Amino acid sequence: MASFAAQVATYPNLVPWHAGLIKPPFNPPDWVFGPVWTALYSLIAYAVWRIMRLPSSPARSRALMLFFVQLALNAAWSWMFFGANSPALGLINIVPQLAVILATIVAFYRLDRVAALCLVPLAAWVTFASLLNFEIWRLNG
């Protein structure tokens, strides 16, 4: 559902808005994003499935709350960056989003190390996306 919500905001704004932005030299080609997000969402789904199958506990509830907050921030980023055509709004979202992803990894690690490790690629990608978002904002501000 988060993936679909993000796509609704993203695809209509790829051309002409996003295509017309000045991008840094390390910006990947557009075709890279689909496969990367498909892999990431697969890992995300597997991670949360592993946590959801655990017995109910306060630690599990906290971990799931963090997970769903980061997922909501993830979907909201597309609406802020692409939907609103605003790299600045994207930055306002992506910094706390990364913090919540890292907190989710810690919370998952306390419950299931495999689930936590499944979120590490997401943290790495969102770290890269944060730098990319910042540079697009800087170059187009």
Protein backbone atom coordinates (compact mmCIF):
# COMPACT_ATOMS: atom_id res chain seq x y z
CA MET A 1 0.00 0.00 0.00
CA ALA A 2 2.82 2.44 0.84
CA SER A 3 4.50 1.63 -2.47
CA PHE A 4 1.29 2.31 -4.38
CA ALA A 5 0.69 5.60 -2.52
CA ALA A 6 4.23 6.72 -3.35
CA GLN A 7 3.86 5.80 -7.03
CA VAL A 8 0.65 7.84 -7.34
CA ALA A 9 2.61 10.95 -6.34
CA THR A 10 5.80 10.11 -8.20
CA TYR A 11 4.94 9.02 -11.73
CA PRO A 12 2.88 12.04 -12.84
CA ASN A 13 5.74 14.32 -11.74
CA LEU A 14 8.69 12.57 -13.36
CA VAL A 15 8.17 14.53 -16.59
CA PRO A 16 8.44 17.46 -16.89
CA TRP A 17 9.10 18.54 -13.27
CA HIS A 18 11.69 16.00 -12.08
CA ALA A 19 13.26 15.65 -15.53
CA GLY A 20 13.84 19.40 -15.57
CA LEU A 21 15.69 19.57 -12.26
CA ILE A 22 19.45 19.99 -12.04
CA LYS A 23 20.79 16.80 -10.48
CA PRO A 24 24.18 15.92 -9.01
CA PRO A 25 26.53 13.67 -10.99
CA PHE A 26 25.83 10.72 -8.65
CA ASN A 27 22.10 10.73 -9.44
CA PRO A 28 21.19 7.23 -10.67
CA PRO A 29 19.23 6.81 -13.90
CA ASP A 30 15.46 6.69 -13.37
CA TRP A 31 15.25 2.97 -14.24
CA VAL A 32 17.30 2.08 -11.11
CA PHE A 33 14.64 3.23 -8.66
CA GLY A 34 11.96 0.65 -9.55
CA PRO A 35 14.13 -2.45 -9.00
CA VAL A 36 15.72 -0.97 -5.87
CA TRP A 37 12.37 -0.18 -4.27
CA THR A 38 10.97 -3.57 -5.28
CA ALA A 39 13.85 -5.28 -3.47
CA LEU A 40 13.59 -2.95 -0.48
CA TYR A 41 9.83 -3.42 -0.09
CA SER A 42 10.32 -7.19 -0.28
CA LEU A 43 12.87 -7.03 2.54
CA ILE A 44 10.64 -4.64 4.51
CA ALA A 45 7.66 -6.98 4.19
CA TYR A 46 9.71 -9.98 5.29
CA ALA A 47 11.12 -8.04 8.26
CA VAL A 48 7.74 -6.92 9.56
CA TRP A 49 6.28 -10.39 8.99
CA ARG A 50 9.01 -11.83 11.23
CA ILE A 51 8.17 -9.31 13.96
CA MET A 52 4.40 -9.72 13.63
CA ARG A 53 4.63 -13.47 14.16
CA LEU A 54 6.29 -12.97 17.56
CA PRO A 55 4.18 -13.10 20.74
CA SER A 56 2.63 -9.81 21.74
CA SER A 57 4.75 -7.71 24.11
CA PRO A 58 5.45 -4.05 24.84
CA ALA A 59 8.76 -4.32 22.92
CA ARG A 60 6.98 -5.80 19.90
CA SER A 61 4.32 -3.06 20.05
CA ARG A 62 7.00 -0.34 20.16
CA ALA A 63 8.90 -1.93 17.28
CA LEU A 64 5.75 -2.16 15.15
CA MET A 65 4.78 1.42 15.98
CA LEU A 66 8.21 2.63 14.83
CA PHE A 67 7.96 0.44 11.72
CA PHE A 68 4.61 1.88 10.68
CA VAL A 69 5.74 5.46 11.38
CA GLN A 70 8.77 5.00 9.10
CA LEU A 71 6.54 3.41 6.47
CA ALA A 72 4.13 6.38 6.61
CA LEU A 73 7.04 8.82 6.38
CA ASN A 74 8.35 6.85 3.40
CA ALA A 75 5.05 7.20 1.53
CA ALA A 76 4.67 10.85 2.59
CA TRP A 77 8.12 11.70 1.19
CA SER A 78 6.91 11.02 -2.37
CA TRP A 79 3.97 13.35 -1.86
CA MET A 80 6.18 16.05 -0.37
CA PHE A 81 9.02 15.81 -2.90
CA PHE A 82 7.18 14.80 -6.09
CA GLY A 83 3.54 15.62 -5.35
CA ALA A 84 4.34 19.10 -4.03
CA ASN A 85 7.31 19.51 -6.41
CA SER A 86 9.39 20.48 -3.40
CA PRO A 87 12.87 19.16 -2.61
CA ALA A 88 12.71 21.31 0.56
CA LEU A 89 9.64 19.46 1.82
CA GLY A 90 11.35 16.20 0.91
CA LEU A 91 14.26 17.17 3.17
CA ILE A 92 11.91 18.06 6.00
CA ASN A 93 10.58 14.49 5.76
CA ILE A 94 13.64 12.40 4.94
CA VAL A 95 15.79 13.44 7.91
CA PRO A 96 13.33 12.26 10.58
CA GLN A 97 12.42 9.32 8.33
CA LEU A 98 16.01 8.10 8.48
CA ALA A 99 16.07 8.55 12.26
CA VAL A 100 12.90 6.46 12.63
CA ILE A 101 14.31 3.77 10.31
CA LEU A 102 17.40 3.54 12.51
CA ALA A 103 15.26 3.38 15.65
CA THR A 104 13.18 0.64 14.01
CA ILE A 105 16.32 -1.35 13.24
CA VAL A 106 17.37 -1.13 16.91
CA ALA A 107 13.90 -2.13 18.11
CA PHE A 108 13.74 -5.03 15.64
CA TYR A 109 17.25 -6.17 16.59
CA ARG A 110 16.15 -6.63 20.20
CA LEU A 111 13.41 -8.97 18.98
CA ASP A 112 14.76 -10.63 15.81
CA ARG A 113 18.20 -10.00 14.35
CA VAL A 114 17.26 -11.22 10.88
CA ALA A 115 14.34 -8.76 10.75
CA ALA A 116 16.67 -5.95 11.77
CA LEU A 117 19.26 -6.90 9.16
CA CYS A 118 16.55 -6.86 6.49
CA LEU A 119 16.08 -3.13 7.18
CA VAL A 120 19.77 -2.22 6.87
CA PRO A 121 19.59 -1.88 3.05
CA LEU A 122 16.62 0.48 3.54
CA ALA A 123 18.68 2.62 5.92
CA ALA A 124 21.57 2.65 3.45
CA TRP A 125 19.30 3.64 0.54
CA VAL A 126 17.52 6.36 2.52
CA THR A 127 20.92 7.70 3.62
CA PHE A 128 21.89 7.92 -0.06
CA ALA A 129 18.47 9.39 -0.91
CA SER A 130 18.94 12.02 1.82
CA LEU A 131 22.19 13.16 0.22
CA LEU A 132 20.57 13.11 -3.21
CA ASN A 133 17.55 15.06 -1.93
CA PHE A 134 19.84 17.63 -0.30
CA GLU A 135 21.90 18.10 -3.46
CA ILE A 136 18.78 18.48 -5.64
CA TRP A 137 17.47 21.07 -3.19
CA ARG A 138 20.82 22.88 -3.15
CA LEU A 139 21.25 22.86 -6.92
CA ASN A 140 17.70 24.00 -7.63
CA GLY A 141 17.15 26.40 -4.73
